[in-house]
Amino acid sequence: MPARKEMPSTLQRSPKKAQDTWAEAHDSAVHTYGEGERAHRVAYAALKHEFEKVGDHWEPKGRKGPSDKQASNPRAPKQRGGDKKTAGGVDANASKKHLYERAREMDVAGRSSMSKKELVDALRKENAKRTRRARSS
């Protein structure tokens, strides 16, 4: 399986089910579209239907479904001038209460006064920070 060789480090630190989901979707997309960015986008979209990024790894979501607008349509062509923005694995479709709890678990400062959009953004940034830290150690 080519996906196992290319598996991102955040998935290597995640449950086997998350790894299997990403790998199966990636290999299927490679078969359909060929190797490259599109296969990775499709694999991440499949992953985001069942998992959300928490810090430097992925954890199961309480519900199935896309995590953001882009994850609901991974095959959409790139827009001119760059990709559509994603929530970076944060479940932007989750309730504000869920996002607040994730922010509390990750000790995000100022979370009590944040809107839902601000919580998504803060979690995305905290996840990226923790992933960078994990990759450098």
N, C-alpha and C. Protein backbone atom coordinates (compact mmCIF):
# COMPACT_ATOMS: atom_id res chain seq x y z
N MET A 1 0.83 -1.19 0.00
CA MET A 1 0.00 0.00 0.00
C MET A 1 0.87 1.25 0.00
N PRO A 2 0.77 2.08 -1.00
CA PRO A 2 1.57 3.30 -1.04
C PRO A 2 1.27 4.26 0.11
N ALA A 3 0.04 4.29 0.57
CA ALA A 3 -0.35 5.24 1.62
C ALA A 3 0.44 5.04 2.90
N ARG A 4 0.76 3.83 3.24
CA ARG A 4 1.48 3.56 4.49
C ARG A 4 2.86 4.22 4.48
N LYS A 5 3.46 4.33 3.29
CA LYS A 5 4.78 4.95 3.18
C LYS A 5 4.69 6.47 3.29
N GLU A 6 3.54 7.03 2.90
CA GLU A 6 3.37 8.48 2.86
C GLU A 6 2.54 9.03 4.03
N MET A 7 2.22 8.19 4.99
CA MET A 7 1.32 8.60 6.06
C MET A 7 1.91 9.76 6.87
N PRO A 8 1.14 10.84 7.00
CA PRO A 8 1.60 11.99 7.79
C PRO A 8 1.85 11.62 9.25
N SER A 9 2.75 12.35 9.89
CA SER A 9 3.11 12.04 11.27
C SER A 9 1.94 12.18 12.23
N THR A 10 1.01 13.09 11.93
CA THR A 10 -0.15 13.24 12.82
C THR A 10 -0.98 11.95 12.82
N LEU A 11 -1.01 11.25 11.69
CA LEU A 11 -1.74 9.99 11.64
C LEU A 11 -0.95 8.85 12.27
N GLN A 12 0.37 8.93 12.20
CA GLN A 12 1.19 7.90 12.83
C GLN A 12 1.00 7.91 14.35
N ARG A 13 0.59 9.06 14.91
CA ARG A 13 0.34 9.16 16.35
C ARG A 13 -1.14 8.96 16.69
N SER A 14 -1.92 8.52 15.73
CA SER A 14 -3.37 8.39 15.89
C SER A 14 -3.79 6.92 15.96
N PRO A 15 -5.06 6.68 16.34
CA PRO A 15 -5.55 5.31 16.41
C PRO A 15 -5.46 4.58 15.06
N LYS A 16 -5.36 3.27 15.13
CA LYS A 16 -5.24 2.45 13.92
C LYS A 16 -6.42 2.68 12.98
N LYS A 17 -7.60 2.86 13.51
CA LYS A 17 -8.80 3.09 12.67
C LYS A 17 -8.62 4.37 11.84
N ALA A 18 -8.06 5.42 12.41
CA ALA A 18 -7.81 6.65 11.67
C ALA A 18 -6.78 6.39 10.56
N GLN A 19 -5.74 5.65 10.89
CA GLN A 19 -4.71 5.32 9.90
C GLN A 19 -5.30 4.51 8.75
N ASP A 20 -6.13 3.52 9.09
CA ASP A 20 -6.75 2.68 8.07
C ASP A 20 -7.70 3.48 7.18
N THR A 21 -8.47 4.38 7.79
CA THR A 21 -9.41 5.21 7.03
C THR A 21 -8.65 6.05 6.00
N TRP A 22 -7.59 6.72 6.47
CA TRP A 22 -6.81 7.58 5.58
C TRP A 22 -6.14 6.74 4.48
N ALA A 23 -5.53 5.62 4.86
CA ALA A 23 -4.80 4.79 3.91
C ALA A 23 -5.72 4.22 2.82
N GLU A 24 -6.88 3.72 3.22
CA GLU A 24 -7.80 3.14 2.24
C GLU A 24 -8.32 4.21 1.28
N ALA A 25 -8.67 5.38 1.80
CA ALA A 25 -9.16 6.46 0.95
C ALA A 25 -8.04 6.96 0.02
N HIS A 26 -6.83 7.05 0.56
CA HIS A 26 -5.70 7.51 -0.25
C HIS A 26 -5.42 6.54 -1.39
N ASP A 27 -5.35 5.26 -1.08
CA ASP A 27 -5.05 4.28 -2.12
C ASP A 27 -6.13 4.24 -3.19
N SER A 28 -7.38 4.36 -2.78
CA SER A 28 -8.48 4.40 -3.73
C SER A 28 -8.38 5.64 -4.62
N ALA A 29 -8.06 6.78 -4.02
CA ALA A 29 -7.93 8.03 -4.79
C ALA A 29 -6.74 7.96 -5.74
N VAL A 30 -5.64 7.32 -5.33
CA VAL A 30 -4.48 7.17 -6.21
C VAL A 30 -4.89 6.33 -7.41
N HIS A 31 -5.65 5.29 -7.17
CA HIS A 31 -6.12 4.43 -8.26
C HIS A 31 -7.01 5.23 -9.23
N THR A 32 -7.84 6.11 -8.68
CA THR A 32 -8.77 6.89 -9.50
C THR A 32 -8.12 8.10 -10.16
N TYR A 33 -7.37 8.88 -9.38
CA TYR A 33 -6.85 10.16 -9.86
C TYR A 33 -5.34 10.19 -10.10
N GLY A 34 -4.65 9.18 -9.60
CA GLY A 34 -3.19 9.20 -9.69
C GLY A 34 -2.60 9.77 -8.42
N GLU A 35 -1.30 9.60 -8.27
CA GLU A 35 -0.58 10.06 -7.08
C GLU A 35 -0.56 11.58 -7.06
N GLY A 36 -0.61 12.15 -5.86
CA GLY A 36 -0.46 13.60 -5.76
C GLY A 36 -1.41 14.25 -4.78
N GLU A 37 -1.51 15.56 -4.90
CA GLU A 37 -2.27 16.38 -3.96
C GLU A 37 -3.74 15.98 -3.89
N ARG A 38 -4.33 15.66 -5.04
CA ARG A 38 -5.76 15.31 -5.05
C ARG A 38 -6.02 14.06 -4.22
N ALA A 39 -5.16 13.08 -4.29
CA ALA A 39 -5.31 11.86 -3.50
C ALA A 39 -5.24 12.18 -2.00
N HIS A 40 -4.35 13.09 -1.64
CA HIS A 40 -4.22 13.48 -0.23
C HIS A 40 -5.47 14.23 0.23
N ARG A 41 -6.01 15.10 -0.61
CA ARG A 41 -7.23 15.84 -0.24
C ARG A 41 -8.39 14.89 -0.01
N VAL A 42 -8.54 13.92 -0.89
CA VAL A 42 -9.63 12.95 -0.77
C VAL A 42 -9.45 12.13 0.51
N ALA A 43 -8.22 11.72 0.80
CA ALA A 43 -7.95 10.93 2.00
C ALA A 43 -8.25 11.72 3.27
N TYR A 44 -7.85 12.98 3.30
CA TYR A 44 -8.14 13.82 4.47
C TYR A 44 -9.63 14.06 4.62
N ALA A 45 -10.34 14.24 3.51
CA ALA A 45 -11.79 14.45 3.60
C ALA A 45 -12.46 13.22 4.20
N ALA A 46 -12.03 12.03 3.78
CA ALA A 46 -12.59 10.80 4.35
C ALA A 46 -12.29 10.71 5.85
N LEU A 47 -11.07 11.06 6.21
CA LEU A 47 -10.65 11.03 7.62
C LEU A 47 -11.50 11.98 8.45
N LYS A 48 -11.74 13.19 7.91
CA LYS A 48 -12.48 14.22 8.65
C LYS A 48 -13.95 13.87 8.85
N HIS A 49 -14.47 12.88 8.15
CA HIS A 49 -15.85 12.45 8.36
C HIS A 49 -16.01 11.70 9.68
N GLU A 50 -14.94 11.08 10.15
CA GLU A 50 -15.03 10.29 11.38
C GLU A 50 -14.09 10.75 12.49
N PHE A 51 -13.11 11.58 12.16
CA PHE A 51 -12.10 11.99 13.14
C PHE A 51 -11.91 13.49 13.11
N GLU A 52 -11.42 14.03 14.23
CA GLU A 52 -11.06 15.44 14.31
C GLU A 52 -9.65 15.54 14.85
N LYS A 53 -8.95 16.57 14.43
CA LYS A 53 -7.58 16.76 14.87
C LYS A 53 -7.59 17.40 16.26
N VAL A 54 -6.86 16.79 17.16
CA VAL A 54 -6.74 17.28 18.53
C VAL A 54 -5.25 17.36 18.84
N GLY A 55 -4.73 18.57 18.81
CA GLY A 55 -3.29 18.73 19.04
C GLY A 55 -2.50 18.14 17.90
N ASP A 56 -1.68 17.14 18.20
CA ASP A 56 -0.79 16.56 17.18
C ASP A 56 -1.25 15.20 16.68
N HIS A 57 -2.54 14.86 16.89
CA HIS A 57 -3.06 13.58 16.43
C HIS A 57 -4.56 13.70 16.13
N TRP A 58 -5.14 12.61 15.68
CA TRP A 58 -6.57 12.57 15.32
C TRP A 58 -7.31 11.69 16.31
N GLU A 59 -8.52 12.11 16.71
CA GLU A 59 -9.38 11.35 17.62
C GLU A 59 -10.75 11.19 17.00
N PRO A 60 -11.46 10.11 17.36
CA PRO A 60 -12.81 9.90 16.80
C PRO A 60 -13.75 11.04 17.20
N LYS A 61 -14.64 11.40 16.26
CA LYS A 61 -15.66 12.41 16.54
C LYS A 61 -16.86 11.71 17.16
N GLY A 62 -17.71 12.47 17.79
CA GLY A 62 -18.93 11.92 18.37
C GLY A 62 -19.98 11.60 17.33
N ARG A 63 -19.85 12.17 16.15
CA ARG A 63 -20.80 11.96 15.07
C ARG A 63 -20.05 11.87 13.76
N LYS A 64 -20.66 11.26 12.77
CA LYS A 64 -20.03 11.17 11.45
C LYS A 64 -20.52 12.32 10.59
N GLY A 65 -19.68 12.74 9.68
CA GLY A 65 -20.03 13.79 8.74
C GLY A 65 -18.86 14.71 8.51
N PRO A 66 -18.95 15.54 7.47
CA PRO A 66 -17.83 16.42 7.14
C PRO A 66 -17.56 17.42 8.26
N SER A 67 -16.31 17.80 8.40
CA SER A 67 -15.93 18.71 9.48
C SER A 67 -15.97 20.18 9.07
N ASP A 68 -15.97 20.45 7.78
CA ASP A 68 -16.05 21.82 7.29
C ASP A 68 -16.55 21.79 5.85
N LYS A 69 -16.77 22.95 5.28
CA LYS A 69 -17.32 23.02 3.92
C LYS A 69 -16.43 22.31 2.91
N GLN A 70 -15.14 22.48 3.01
CA GLN A 70 -14.22 21.86 2.05
C GLN A 70 -14.23 20.33 2.17
N ALA A 71 -14.34 19.81 3.37
CA ALA A 71 -14.35 18.35 3.56
C ALA A 71 -15.61 17.72 2.97
N SER A 72 -16.65 18.50 2.81
CA SER A 72 -17.88 17.94 2.23
C SER A 72 -17.78 17.82 0.72
N ASN A 73 -16.75 18.43 0.10
CA ASN A 73 -16.59 18.36 -1.34
C ASN A 73 -15.11 18.33 -1.72
N PRO A 74 -14.40 17.24 -1.40
CA PRO A 74 -12.96 17.17 -1.64
C PRO A 74 -12.56 17.15 -3.10
N ARG A 75 -13.47 16.81 -3.98
CA ARG A 75 -13.13 16.70 -5.40
C ARG A 75 -13.30 18.02 -6.13
N ALA A 76 -13.78 19.04 -5.41
CA ALA A 76 -13.96 20.35 -6.05
C ALA A 76 -12.62 20.85 -6.55
N PRO A 77 -12.61 21.40 -7.74
CA PRO A 77 -11.33 21.90 -8.27
C PRO A 77 -10.82 23.06 -7.44
N LYS A 78 -9.50 23.22 -7.47
CA LYS A 78 -8.89 24.34 -6.75
C LYS A 78 -9.37 25.64 -7.36
N GLN A 79 -9.56 26.61 -6.50
CA GLN A 79 -9.92 27.93 -6.99
C GLN A 79 -8.66 28.62 -7.48
N ARG A 80 -8.81 29.48 -8.43
CA ARG A 80 -7.67 30.23 -8.93
C ARG A 80 -7.08 31.06 -7.80
N GLY A 81 -5.78 30.98 -7.63
CA GLY A 81 -5.14 31.76 -6.58
C GLY A 81 -4.98 30.99 -5.28
N GLY A 82 -5.36 29.72 -5.24
CA GLY A 82 -5.12 28.94 -4.03
C GLY A 82 -6.28 28.05 -3.66
N ASP A 83 -6.07 27.22 -2.67
CA ASP A 83 -7.09 26.30 -2.20
C ASP A 83 -8.13 27.02 -1.37
N LYS A 84 -9.29 26.42 -1.27
CA LYS A 84 -10.29 26.91 -0.33
C LYS A 84 -9.76 26.62 1.06
N LYS A 85 -10.10 27.47 2.01
CA LYS A 85 -9.62 27.26 3.37
C LYS A 85 -10.38 26.12 4.03
N THR A 86 -9.67 25.37 4.85
CA THR A 86 -10.29 24.34 5.66
C THR A 86 -10.11 24.72 7.12
N ALA A 87 -10.72 23.96 7.98
CA ALA A 87 -10.56 24.19 9.42
C ALA A 87 -9.38 23.40 9.96
N GLY A 88 -8.59 22.80 9.10
CA GLY A 88 -7.37 22.12 9.52
C GLY A 88 -7.60 20.91 10.41
N GLY A 89 -8.73 20.25 10.22
CA GLY A 89 -9.03 19.07 11.02
C GLY A 89 -9.92 19.35 12.21
N VAL A 90 -10.12 20.63 12.54
CA VAL A 90 -11.05 20.99 13.61
C VAL A 90 -12.46 20.75 13.08
N ASP A 91 -13.32 20.18 13.89
CA ASP A 91 -14.69 19.90 13.48
C ASP A 91 -15.51 21.18 13.58
N ALA A 92 -15.45 22.00 12.53
CA ALA A 92 -16.14 23.30 12.51
C ALA A 92 -17.65 23.14 12.54
N ASN A 93 -18.16 21.96 12.22
CA ASN A 93 -19.60 21.72 12.27
C ASN A 93 -20.07 21.25 13.64
N ALA A 94 -19.16 21.07 14.57
CA ALA A 94 -19.52 20.66 15.93
C ALA A 94 -20.18 21.83 16.66
N SER A 95 -20.80 21.53 17.77
CA SER A 95 -21.45 22.59 18.55
C SER A 95 -20.40 23.50 19.19
N LYS A 96 -20.83 24.70 19.53
CA LYS A 96 -19.93 25.63 20.20
C LYS A 96 -19.48 25.03 21.54
N LYS A 97 -20.38 24.30 22.20
CA LYS A 97 -20.04 23.66 23.48
C LYS A 97 -18.90 22.67 23.29
N HIS A 98 -18.98 21.86 22.24
CA HIS A 98 -17.92 20.87 21.97
C HIS A 98 -16.59 21.59 21.70
N LEU A 99 -16.64 22.63 20.87
CA LEU A 99 -15.42 23.37 20.55
C LEU A 99 -14.84 24.01 21.81
N TYR A 100 -15.70 24.54 22.65
CA TYR A 100 -15.25 25.14 23.90
C TYR A 100 -14.56 24.09 24.78
N GLU A 101 -15.15 22.90 24.87
CA GLU A 101 -14.55 21.82 25.66
C GLU A 101 -13.17 21.42 25.12
N ARG A 102 -13.05 21.33 23.80
CA ARG A 102 -11.74 21.03 23.19
C ARG A 102 -10.75 22.13 23.53
N ALA A 103 -11.19 23.38 23.46
CA ALA A 103 -10.31 24.51 23.78
C ALA A 103 -9.90 24.47 25.26
N ARG A 104 -10.82 24.05 26.12
CA ARG A 104 -10.50 23.92 27.54
C ARG A 104 -9.47 22.82 27.75
N GLU A 105 -9.66 21.68 27.09
CA GLU A 105 -8.71 20.56 27.20
C GLU A 105 -7.31 20.98 26.75
N MET A 106 -7.26 21.87 25.76
CA MET A 106 -5.97 22.29 25.20
C MET A 106 -5.48 23.60 25.83
N ASP A 107 -6.21 24.09 26.83
CA ASP A 107 -5.84 25.29 27.57
C ASP A 107 -5.66 26.51 26.66
N VAL A 108 -6.62 26.71 25.76
CA VAL A 108 -6.59 27.86 24.86
C VAL A 108 -7.02 29.10 25.66
N ALA A 109 -6.17 30.10 25.68
CA ALA A 109 -6.44 31.33 26.44
C ALA A 109 -7.57 32.13 25.80
N GLY A 110 -8.44 32.70 26.63
CA GLY A 110 -9.51 33.57 26.15
C GLY A 110 -10.72 32.84 25.59
N ARG A 111 -10.77 31.54 25.74
CA ARG A 111 -11.82 30.74 25.12
C ARG A 111 -13.23 31.10 25.58
N SER A 112 -13.39 31.56 26.82
CA SER A 112 -14.74 31.82 27.34
C SER A 112 -15.44 32.98 26.64
N SER A 113 -14.69 33.88 26.03
CA SER A 113 -15.30 35.01 25.35
C SER A 113 -15.29 34.87 23.83
N MET A 114 -14.88 33.71 23.33
CA MET A 114 -14.78 33.52 21.87
C MET A 114 -16.09 33.09 21.25
N SER A 115 -16.30 33.53 20.01
CA SER A 115 -17.42 33.05 19.21
C SER A 115 -17.05 31.66 18.69
N LYS A 116 -18.01 31.00 18.06
CA LYS A 116 -17.75 29.67 17.50
C LYS A 116 -16.64 29.75 16.45
N LYS A 117 -16.71 30.75 15.57
CA LYS A 117 -15.68 30.91 14.54
C LYS A 117 -14.31 31.15 15.16
N GLU A 118 -14.27 31.95 16.20
CA GLU A 118 -13.00 32.22 16.88
C GLU A 118 -12.45 30.97 17.56
N LEU A 119 -13.34 30.14 18.12
CA LEU A 119 -12.90 28.88 18.73
C LEU A 119 -12.29 27.96 17.68
N VAL A 120 -12.94 27.85 16.52
CA VAL A 120 -12.41 27.01 15.43
C VAL A 120 -11.02 27.50 15.05
N ASP A 121 -10.88 28.80 14.87
CA ASP A 121 -9.59 29.38 14.49
C ASP A 121 -8.52 29.14 15.56
N ALA A 122 -8.88 29.35 16.82
CA ALA A 122 -7.92 29.15 17.91
C ALA A 122 -7.50 27.69 18.01
N LEU A 123 -8.44 26.77 17.84
CA LEU A 123 -8.10 25.34 17.89
C LEU A 123 -7.22 24.95 16.70
N ARG A 124 -7.52 25.48 15.52
CA ARG A 124 -6.70 25.20 14.35
C ARG A 124 -5.26 25.65 14.60
N LYS A 125 -5.10 26.83 15.15
CA LYS A 125 -3.76 27.36 15.43
C LYS A 125 -3.05 26.54 16.51
N GLU A 126 -3.78 26.17 17.54
CA GLU A 126 -3.17 25.36 18.62
C GLU A 126 -2.77 23.99 18.10
N ASN A 127 -3.62 23.38 17.25
CA ASN A 127 -3.28 22.09 16.65
C ASN A 127 -1.99 22.21 15.83
N ALA A 128 -1.90 23.26 15.02
CA ALA A 128 -0.71 23.45 14.19
C ALA A 128 0.53 23.63 15.06
N LYS A 129 0.40 24.39 16.12
CA LYS A 129 1.53 24.61 17.03
C LYS A 129 1.99 23.29 17.66
N ARG A 130 1.04 22.50 18.11
CA ARG A 130 1.39 21.22 18.74
C ARG A 130 1.98 20.23 17.73
N THR A 131 1.48 20.27 16.51
CA THR A 131 2.03 19.40 15.47
C THR A 131 3.46 19.78 15.15
N ARG A 132 3.72 21.08 15.01
CA ARG A 132 5.11 21.54 14.77
C ARG A 132 6.03 21.09 15.89
N ARG A 133 5.57 21.24 17.13
CA ARG A 133 6.37 20.85 18.29
C ARG A 133 6.66 19.35 18.27
N ALA A 134 5.64 18.54 17.95
CA ALA A 134 5.81 17.09 17.92
C ALA A 134 6.77 16.66 16.80
N ARG A 135 6.70 17.32 15.67
CA ARG A 135 7.57 16.98 14.55
C ARG A 135 9.01 17.35 14.79
N SER A 136 9.23 18.39 15.58
CA SER A 136 10.62 18.82 15.83
C SER A 136 11.29 18.05 16.96
N SER A 137 10.52 17.32 17.73
CA SER A 137 11.13 16.56 18.84
C SER A 137 11.43 15.12 18.48
